[in-house]
């Protein structure tokens, strides 16, 4: 599927943007980051061709939405099945994640683009994307943006899921080697946090001066959703197919929810995007909306009970931009350079989550303080104009 792009200016760069998924619908943090990046690059007059797999779940109209900012190729691909991928991973010593995101049809389209058009730079979104780019001599420089450190995530999975610990530890080792290969291949690597940069710089054969920290960009003043969600207060949880999100929802209802209900008997949990729907009192289950605004409704509180995390939680930044207070674990807020009691409330267990929710429900001054500080954090640290300028400088430096 293709569509024409908007014209670029005379000074705009030609960017081939390779990803593992489409940025629309904007239903998770990775898509949010790509969506705003493509929009800002387009605003600056750069000519971007976007290539990603369509695994059969891309919503109707996605190409038209993406084409507002670039020239999209969503390539029909068959998703890698889990069991065959696991067997291949054992035989080839390749990470499951890389195998499931490697597609011959996608590689063919990227090959044709590079053969038929001149590009100034290739932007590879996530480590897995780089393995779909041909290993030619004379390729344009590759700028890799690693939204997280997946080897670190696998190590954390092993810590909280002991039954699959041996699998997780093996995947962590293989993914660390893949990350090292990807960074050696790229001219420059962009990470979102210092912690991620330090983790990747400690790998095999990597030079720290090729790794640059550029925080995610995000607009700072967005409206809330118009729908009123039940509960006093209504609590937001984000599920979805990503293992850390699935684990967070399971942990919330297994270990946190009873404490929350005891101290906040009128609270109601609203879970968006989760496949699992256990029978739980005062809980509503919602599909992922096409517009993330519909999640962040007035009067809600975002719960982020993550135990497994790397990179930056884009949904926390979006909550701040929409004036929604946040209660989160230390793992969820690491890398945001925000403070407990300033932009969010920290909670480590059921008792602390319950107390934070009670305080936000009762202390109007605390709610106002957190939301104003959160929005100010987005405006100062994640300003789109400043961040896209840093990305432009990285593209230009890679071409020298």
Protein backbone atom coordinates (compact mmCIF):
# COMPACT_ATOMS: atom_id res chain seq x y z
CA UNK A 1 0.00 0.00 0.00
CA UNK A 2 1.42 3.40 -0.90
CA UNK A 3 0.38 7.00 -0.91
CA UNK A 4 2.02 10.22 -2.07
CA UNK A 5 3.83 12.50 0.36
CA UNK A 6 3.49 16.19 0.87
CA UNK A 7 6.22 18.18 -0.92
CA UNK A 8 9.45 19.00 0.89
CA UNK A 9 11.34 22.26 0.92
CA UNK A 10 14.60 22.82 -0.95
CA UNK A 11 16.59 22.37 2.26
CA UNK A 12 14.77 19.29 3.55
CA UNK A 13 16.58 15.98 3.97
CA UNK A 14 15.41 12.77 2.33
CA UNK A 15 14.85 10.25 5.11
CA UNK A 16 14.03 6.56 4.77
CA UNK A 17 12.25 5.75 8.05
CA UNK A 18 12.16 1.98 8.76
CA UNK A 19 10.04 0.67 11.63
CA UNK A 20 8.54 -2.50 13.10
CA UNK A 21 4.94 -1.20 13.06
CA UNK A 22 2.78 1.59 11.73
CA UNK A 23 2.40 4.77 13.82
CA UNK A 24 -1.38 4.70 13.40
CA UNK A 25 -3.61 4.01 15.24
CA UNK A 26 -1.73 5.88 17.94
CA UNK A 27 -2.48 3.24 20.57
CA UNK A 28 0.82 2.76 22.42
CA UNK A 29 3.94 4.65 23.42
CA UNK A 30 6.08 3.51 20.50
CA UNK A 31 3.47 4.64 17.99
CA UNK A 32 3.06 7.95 19.81
CA UNK A 33 6.76 8.66 19.53
CA UNK A 34 6.85 7.83 15.82
CA UNK A 35 3.66 9.80 15.10
CA UNK A 36 4.98 13.01 16.63
CA UNK A 37 8.43 12.52 15.09
CA UNK A 38 7.00 12.12 11.59
CA UNK A 39 4.73 15.12 12.07
CA UNK A 40 7.58 17.38 13.22
CA UNK A 41 9.94 16.23 10.45
CA UNK A 42 7.18 16.99 7.94
CA UNK A 43 6.63 20.43 9.47
CA UNK A 44 10.35 21.14 9.01
CA UNK A 45 10.10 20.28 5.31
CA UNK A 46 11.92 16.95 5.29
CA UNK A 47 10.85 14.34 2.77
CA UNK A 48 10.24 11.10 4.65
CA UNK A 49 9.44 7.67 3.21
CA UNK A 50 8.05 5.42 5.92
CA UNK A 51 8.34 1.62 5.59
CA UNK A 52 6.89 -0.84 8.10
CA UNK A 53 5.14 -4.22 8.07
CA UNK A 54 1.37 -4.55 7.97
CA UNK A 55 0.77 -7.77 9.89
CA UNK A 56 -2.95 -7.76 9.22
CA UNK A 57 -3.97 -5.69 12.25
CA UNK A 58 -3.49 -2.21 10.75
CA UNK A 59 -6.78 -0.33 10.90
CA UNK A 60 -8.58 0.94 7.84
CA UNK A 61 -7.52 4.43 6.91
CA UNK A 62 -4.06 4.10 8.47
CA UNK A 63 -2.26 4.88 5.20
CA UNK A 64 -4.31 8.04 4.68
CA UNK A 65 -3.53 9.26 8.20
CA UNK A 66 0.20 8.54 7.93
CA UNK A 67 0.34 10.13 4.46
CA UNK A 68 -0.39 13.51 6.06
CA UNK A 69 3.26 13.56 7.13
CA UNK A 70 5.18 11.25 4.80
CA UNK A 71 5.11 8.76 1.95
CA UNK A 72 4.09 5.45 3.58
CA UNK A 73 4.69 1.87 2.54
CA UNK A 74 2.83 -0.55 4.82
CA UNK A 75 4.01 -3.91 3.53
CA UNK A 76 1.73 -6.94 3.93
CA UNK A 77 3.72 -9.50 5.94
CA UNK A 78 2.89 -12.68 7.77
CA UNK A 79 3.58 -12.33 11.49
CA UNK A 80 6.13 -14.76 12.84
CA UNK A 81 4.38 -17.46 14.88
CA UNK A 82 5.66 -17.80 18.41
CA UNK A 83 6.41 -21.55 18.59
CA UNK A 84 8.27 -21.80 15.23
CA UNK A 85 10.15 -18.61 16.13
CA UNK A 86 11.18 -20.11 19.47
CA UNK A 87 12.46 -23.26 17.73
CA UNK A 88 14.39 -21.19 15.16
CA UNK A 89 15.79 -19.05 17.96
CA UNK A 90 17.21 -22.14 19.64
CA UNK A 91 18.68 -23.48 16.39
CA UNK A 92 20.13 -20.21 15.11
CA UNK A 93 20.97 -18.55 18.43
CA UNK A 94 19.07 -15.48 17.26
CA UNK A 95 16.68 -13.53 19.54
CA UNK A 96 13.00 -14.39 19.18
CA UNK A 97 12.19 -10.69 18.86
CA UNK A 98 14.55 -10.19 15.91
CA UNK A 99 13.28 -13.32 14.13
CA UNK A 100 9.62 -12.29 14.52
CA UNK A 101 10.34 -8.81 13.12
CA UNK A 102 12.41 -9.94 10.13
CA UNK A 103 10.30 -10.08 6.95
CA UNK A 104 11.46 -10.87 3.39
CA UNK A 105 8.66 -8.80 1.86
CA UNK A 106 9.71 -5.79 3.94
CA UNK A 107 13.36 -6.30 3.03
CA UNK A 108 12.40 -6.34 -0.66
CA UNK A 109 10.59 -2.99 -0.43
CA UNK A 110 13.50 -1.41 1.46
CA UNK A 111 15.91 -2.80 -1.16
CA UNK A 112 13.82 -1.28 -3.96
CA UNK A 113 13.58 2.10 -2.23
CA UNK A 114 17.34 2.30 -1.79
CA UNK A 115 17.89 1.16 -5.38
CA UNK A 116 15.43 3.59 -6.95
CA UNK A 117 15.73 6.73 -4.80
CA UNK A 118 18.51 8.73 -3.22
CA UNK A 119 18.27 9.15 0.56
CA UNK A 120 20.40 11.29 2.84
CA UNK A 121 19.89 9.13 5.92
CA UNK A 122 18.12 5.95 7.05
CA UNK A 123 16.26 6.22 10.35
CA UNK A 124 15.85 2.76 11.96
CA UNK A 125 13.23 2.79 14.71
CA UNK A 126 14.14 0.06 17.21
CA UNK A 127 16.99 -2.43 17.03
CA UNK A 128 14.89 -5.06 15.21
CA UNK A 129 14.40 -2.71 12.24
CA UNK A 130 18.08 -2.60 11.40
CA UNK A 131 18.07 -6.31 10.49
CA UNK A 132 15.66 -5.59 7.60
CA UNK A 133 18.07 -3.09 6.01
CA UNK A 134 20.42 -4.55 3.38
CA UNK A 135 24.13 -4.71 4.19
CA UNK A 136 25.34 -2.83 1.11
CA UNK A 137 28.52 -0.88 0.72
CA UNK A 138 27.70 2.76 0.11
CA UNK A 139 24.39 2.79 2.01
CA UNK A 140 23.23 6.12 3.40
CA UNK A 141 24.23 6.52 7.06
CA UNK A 142 21.92 4.74 9.51
CA UNK A 143 20.64 6.52 12.62
CA UNK A 144 19.22 3.96 15.02
CA UNK A 145 16.71 5.13 17.64
CA UNK A 146 16.39 2.55 20.42
CA UNK A 147 13.21 3.30 22.35
CA UNK A 148 14.34 0.87 25.05
CA UNK A 149 17.00 -1.75 25.82
CA UNK A 150 15.25 -5.04 25.17
CA UNK A 151 18.01 -7.17 26.68
CA UNK A 152 17.42 -5.32 29.95
CA UNK A 153 13.68 -6.00 29.69
CA UNK A 154 14.32 -9.73 29.28
CA UNK A 155 16.53 -9.73 32.37
CA UNK A 156 13.74 -8.07 34.33
CA UNK A 157 11.23 -10.62 33.00
CA UNK A 158 13.43 -13.36 34.41
CA UNK A 159 13.29 -11.67 37.80
CA UNK A 160 9.50 -11.40 38.04
CA UNK A 161 8.54 -14.52 36.08
CA UNK A 162 10.68 -17.33 37.56
CA UNK A 163 8.84 -20.04 35.61
CA UNK A 164 10.25 -18.71 32.36
CA UNK A 165 13.45 -17.40 33.89
CA UNK A 166 15.73 -19.68 31.87
CA UNK A 167 14.10 -18.56 28.61
CA UNK A 168 14.28 -14.89 29.62
CA UNK A 169 17.96 -15.10 30.58
CA UNK A 170 18.80 -16.77 27.27
CA UNK A 171 16.88 -14.12 25.32
CA UNK A 172 18.61 -11.38 27.31
CA UNK A 173 22.04 -12.70 26.26
CA UNK A 174 21.05 -13.09 22.61
CA UNK A 175 19.33 -9.70 22.49
CA UNK A 176 22.38 -7.99 24.02
CA UNK A 177 24.51 -9.45 21.21
CA UNK A 178 21.95 -8.28 18.62
CA UNK A 179 21.92 -4.78 20.14
CA UNK A 180 25.72 -4.70 19.92
CA UNK A 181 25.60 -5.70 16.21
CA UNK A 182 22.95 -3.08 15.50
CA UNK A 183 24.93 -0.30 17.14
CA UNK A 184 28.09 -1.29 15.28
CA UNK A 185 26.09 -1.15 12.03
CA UNK A 186 24.56 2.27 12.74
CA UNK A 187 26.50 5.47 12.27
CA UNK A 188 24.80 6.90 15.35
CA UNK A 189 22.45 5.54 18.00
CA UNK A 190 19.83 7.68 19.74
CA UNK A 191 18.47 6.63 23.14
CA UNK A 192 15.76 8.25 25.25
CA UNK A 193 17.46 8.09 28.65
CA UNK A 194 20.94 8.15 30.16
CA UNK A 195 20.31 4.76 31.75
CA UNK A 196 19.62 3.19 28.34
CA UNK A 197 22.68 4.87 26.85
CA UNK A 198 24.91 3.52 29.60
CA UNK A 199 23.45 0.03 29.17
CA UNK A 200 24.10 0.01 25.43
CA UNK A 201 27.53 1.63 25.71
CA UNK A 202 28.62 -1.24 27.95
CA UNK A 203 28.02 -3.82 25.22
CA UNK A 204 30.35 -5.58 22.80
CA UNK A 205 32.58 -3.32 20.75
CA UNK A 206 30.51 -0.14 21.14
CA UNK A 207 31.85 3.38 21.53
CA UNK A 208 29.91 5.62 23.90
CA UNK A 209 30.55 8.71 21.76
CA UNK A 210 28.31 7.18 19.05
CA UNK A 211 25.35 7.07 21.45
CA UNK A 212 23.34 10.25 21.97
CA UNK A 213 20.53 10.96 24.44
CA UNK A 214 17.53 12.70 22.87
CA UNK A 215 14.34 12.67 24.98
CA UNK A 216 11.04 11.94 23.22
CA UNK A 217 9.17 14.91 21.80
CA UNK A 218 5.59 15.66 22.79
CA UNK A 219 3.17 18.63 22.67
CA UNK A 220 2.53 20.05 26.13
CA UNK A 221 -1.09 21.20 26.06
CA UNK A 222 -3.58 18.59 24.86
CA UNK A 223 -7.29 18.32 25.73
CA UNK A 224 -8.85 15.57 27.81
CA UNK A 225 -11.45 13.14 26.47
CA UNK A 226 -15.10 14.16 26.59
CA UNK A 227 -16.50 10.90 27.99
CA UNK A 228 -17.16 10.53 31.72
CA UNK A 229 -15.87 7.26 33.14
CA UNK A 230 -17.50 5.64 36.15
CA UNK A 231 -15.86 5.64 39.56
CA UNK A 232 -14.85 8.04 42.29
CA UNK A 233 -12.21 8.21 41.10
CA UNK A 234 -11.96 6.35 37.77
CA UNK A 235 -8.54 4.67 37.46
CA UNK A 236 -6.84 4.10 34.10
CA UNK A 237 -4.67 1.06 33.35
CA UNK A 238 -3.07 0.30 29.99
CA UNK A 239 -2.80 -3.36 28.95
CA UNK A 240 -2.10 -4.53 25.44
CA UNK A 241 0.07 -7.20 23.88
CA UNK A 242 3.43 -5.98 25.25
CA UNK A 243 4.57 -8.34 28.03
CA UNK A 244 5.46 -5.58 30.56
CA UNK A 245 1.97 -4.12 30.19
CA UNK A 246 0.31 -7.53 30.56
CA UNK A 247 2.41 -8.20 33.64
CA UNK A 248 1.48 -4.83 35.13
CA UNK A 249 -2.25 -5.49 34.78
CA UNK A 250 -1.94 -8.98 36.28
CA UNK A 251 0.14 -7.68 39.19
CA UNK A 252 -2.29 -4.83 39.81
CA UNK A 253 -5.28 -7.13 40.22
CA UNK A 254 -3.35 -9.88 42.03
CA UNK A 255 -1.51 -7.71 44.56
CA UNK A 256 -2.77 -4.10 44.55
CA UNK A 257 -6.47 -3.88 43.76
CA UNK A 258 -7.79 -5.26 47.06
CA UNK A 259 -5.85 -2.62 49.03
CA UNK A 260 -7.05 0.11 46.68
CA UNK A 261 -10.69 -0.99 47.08
CA UNK A 262 -10.49 -1.13 50.87
CA UNK A 263 -9.28 2.46 51.14
CA UNK A 264 -11.17 3.80 48.08
CA UNK A 265 -14.43 1.79 47.93
CA UNK A 266 -15.93 3.92 45.13
CA UNK A 267 -12.89 3.61 42.83
CA UNK A 268 -13.43 1.91 39.48
CA UNK A 269 -10.64 0.46 37.32
CA UNK A 270 -10.82 0.99 33.55
CA UNK A 271 -8.40 -1.24 31.62
CA UNK A 272 -7.67 -0.29 28.00
CA UNK A 273 -6.22 -2.70 25.45
CA UNK A 274 -5.92 -5.83 27.58
CA UNK A 275 -6.82 -9.24 26.14
CA UNK A 276 -7.25 -10.89 29.55
CA UNK A 277 -10.59 -10.09 31.19
CA UNK A 278 -10.78 -11.75 34.61
CA UNK A 279 -13.96 -11.39 36.62
CA UNK A 280 -13.03 -8.52 38.93
CA UNK A 281 -15.39 -6.21 40.86
CA UNK A 282 -15.63 -2.52 39.90
CA UNK A 283 -13.65 -3.08 36.69
CA UNK A 284 -14.41 -2.25 33.06
CA UNK A 285 -12.45 -3.58 30.07
CA UNK A 286 -12.09 -1.44 26.94
CA UNK A 287 -10.45 -2.01 23.54
CA UNK A 288 -7.56 0.22 22.50
CA UNK A 289 -9.12 3.38 21.01
CA UNK A 290 -8.01 4.82 17.69
CA UNK A 291 -7.57 8.19 19.42
CA UNK A 292 -5.66 8.04 22.71
CA UNK A 293 -7.47 11.19 23.86
CA UNK A 294 -10.47 8.96 24.61
CA UNK A 295 -8.49 7.21 27.36
CA UNK A 296 -7.57 10.34 29.31
CA UNK A 297 -10.93 11.65 30.48
CA UNK A 298 -11.47 14.42 33.01
CA UNK A 299 -11.29 13.28 36.63
CA UNK A 300 -9.29 10.11 35.94
CA UNK A 301 -5.98 8.98 37.46
CA UNK A 302 -3.39 7.05 35.44
CA UNK A 303 -2.07 3.94 37.21
CA UNK A 304 1.30 2.66 35.97
CA UNK A 305 2.16 -0.43 38.07
CA UNK A 306 5.05 -1.56 35.88
CA UNK A 307 7.63 -4.02 37.24
CA UNK A 308 9.41 -4.41 33.87
CA UNK A 309 10.45 -1.23 32.08
CA UNK A 310 13.09 0.41 29.91
CA UNK A 311 13.13 3.62 27.93
CA UNK A 312 10.42 6.17 28.78
CA UNK A 313 6.69 5.70 29.31
CA UNK A 314 5.10 7.87 26.63
CA UNK A 315 1.66 7.44 28.22
CA UNK A 316 2.91 9.19 31.36
CA UNK A 317 4.07 12.11 29.23
CA UNK A 318 0.70 12.13 27.46
CA UNK A 319 -1.13 12.08 30.80
CA UNK A 320 0.87 15.13 31.89
CA UNK A 321 0.12 16.91 28.60
CA UNK A 322 -3.61 16.23 29.11
CA UNK A 323 -3.63 17.30 32.77
CA UNK A 324 -4.15 13.81 34.20
CA UNK A 325 -2.39 12.88 37.49
CA UNK A 326 -0.10 9.85 37.59
CA UNK A 327 0.60 7.18 40.23
CA UNK A 328 3.48 4.93 39.22
CA UNK A 329 6.15 2.52 40.36
CA UNK A 330 9.85 3.45 40.43
CA UNK A 331 10.43 1.31 37.30
CA UNK A 332 7.72 3.19 35.38
CA UNK A 333 9.09 6.70 36.01
CA UNK A 334 12.81 5.92 35.74
CA UNK A 335 14.38 8.10 33.05
CA UNK A 336 11.74 10.84 33.17
CA UNK A 337 13.79 13.09 35.47
CA UNK A 338 10.61 13.84 37.45
CA UNK A 339 10.09 13.78 41.22
CA UNK A 340 7.79 12.00 43.65
CA UNK A 341 5.24 14.50 44.96
CA UNK A 342 6.16 16.98 42.21
CA UNK A 343 5.03 15.53 38.85
CA UNK A 344 3.71 12.16 40.08
CA UNK A 345 3.08 10.07 43.18
CA UNK A 346 5.32 7.06 43.71
CA UNK A 347 3.86 3.72 44.81
CA UNK A 348 5.59 0.39 45.34
CA UNK A 349 2.81 -1.83 46.68
CA UNK A 350 -0.94 -2.00 47.27
CA UNK A 351 -0.86 0.12 50.42
CA UNK A 352 1.06 2.93 48.71
CA UNK A 353 -1.16 2.86 45.60
CA UNK A 354 -4.26 2.99 47.81
CA UNK A 355 -2.90 5.94 49.81
CA UNK A 356 -1.89 7.87 46.69
CA UNK A 357 -5.35 7.45 45.15
CA UNK A 358 -7.04 8.55 48.40
CA UNK A 359 -4.86 11.66 48.57
CA UNK A 360 -5.61 12.62 44.96
CA UNK A 361 -9.32 12.07 45.55
CA UNK A 362 -9.35 14.25 48.66
CA UNK A 363 -6.59 16.87 48.22
CA UNK A 364 -7.53 19.29 45.46
CA UNK A 365 -4.32 21.26 45.97
CA UNK A 366 -2.19 18.16 45.40
CA UNK A 367 -4.03 17.33 42.19
CA UNK A 368 -3.51 20.86 40.84
CA UNK A 369 0.18 20.83 41.83
CA UNK A 370 0.92 17.53 40.10
CA UNK A 371 -0.90 18.33 36.87
CA UNK A 372 0.68 21.78 36.53
CA UNK A 373 4.16 20.42 37.23
CA UNK A 374 3.65 17.55 34.81
CA UNK A 375 2.54 19.83 32.00
CA UNK A 376 5.48 22.14 32.68
CA UNK A 377 7.84 19.15 32.47
CA UNK A 378 6.49 18.29 29.01
CA UNK A 379 6.82 21.89 27.85
CA UNK A 380 10.44 22.21 28.97
CA UNK A 381 12.00 18.76 28.52
CA UNK A 382 9.95 17.37 25.60
CA UNK A 383 9.37 20.47 23.48
CA UNK A 384 8.89 19.24 19.88
CA UNK A 385 10.80 22.11 18.24
CA UNK A 386 13.86 21.61 20.45
CA UNK A 387 13.85 17.81 20.20
CA UNK A 388 13.42 17.67 16.42
CA UNK A 389 16.31 20.13 16.09
CA UNK A 390 18.49 17.68 18.03
CA UNK A 391 17.35 14.87 15.73
CA UNK A 392 18.13 16.98 12.65
CA UNK A 393 21.61 17.67 14.01
CA UNK A 394 22.10 13.94 14.52
CA UNK A 395 21.03 13.20 10.93
CA UNK A 396 23.41 15.88 9.61
CA UNK A 397 26.34 14.70 11.73
CA UNK A 398 25.83 11.11 10.53
CA UNK A 399 26.28 12.28 6.91
CA UNK A 400 29.73 13.79 7.54
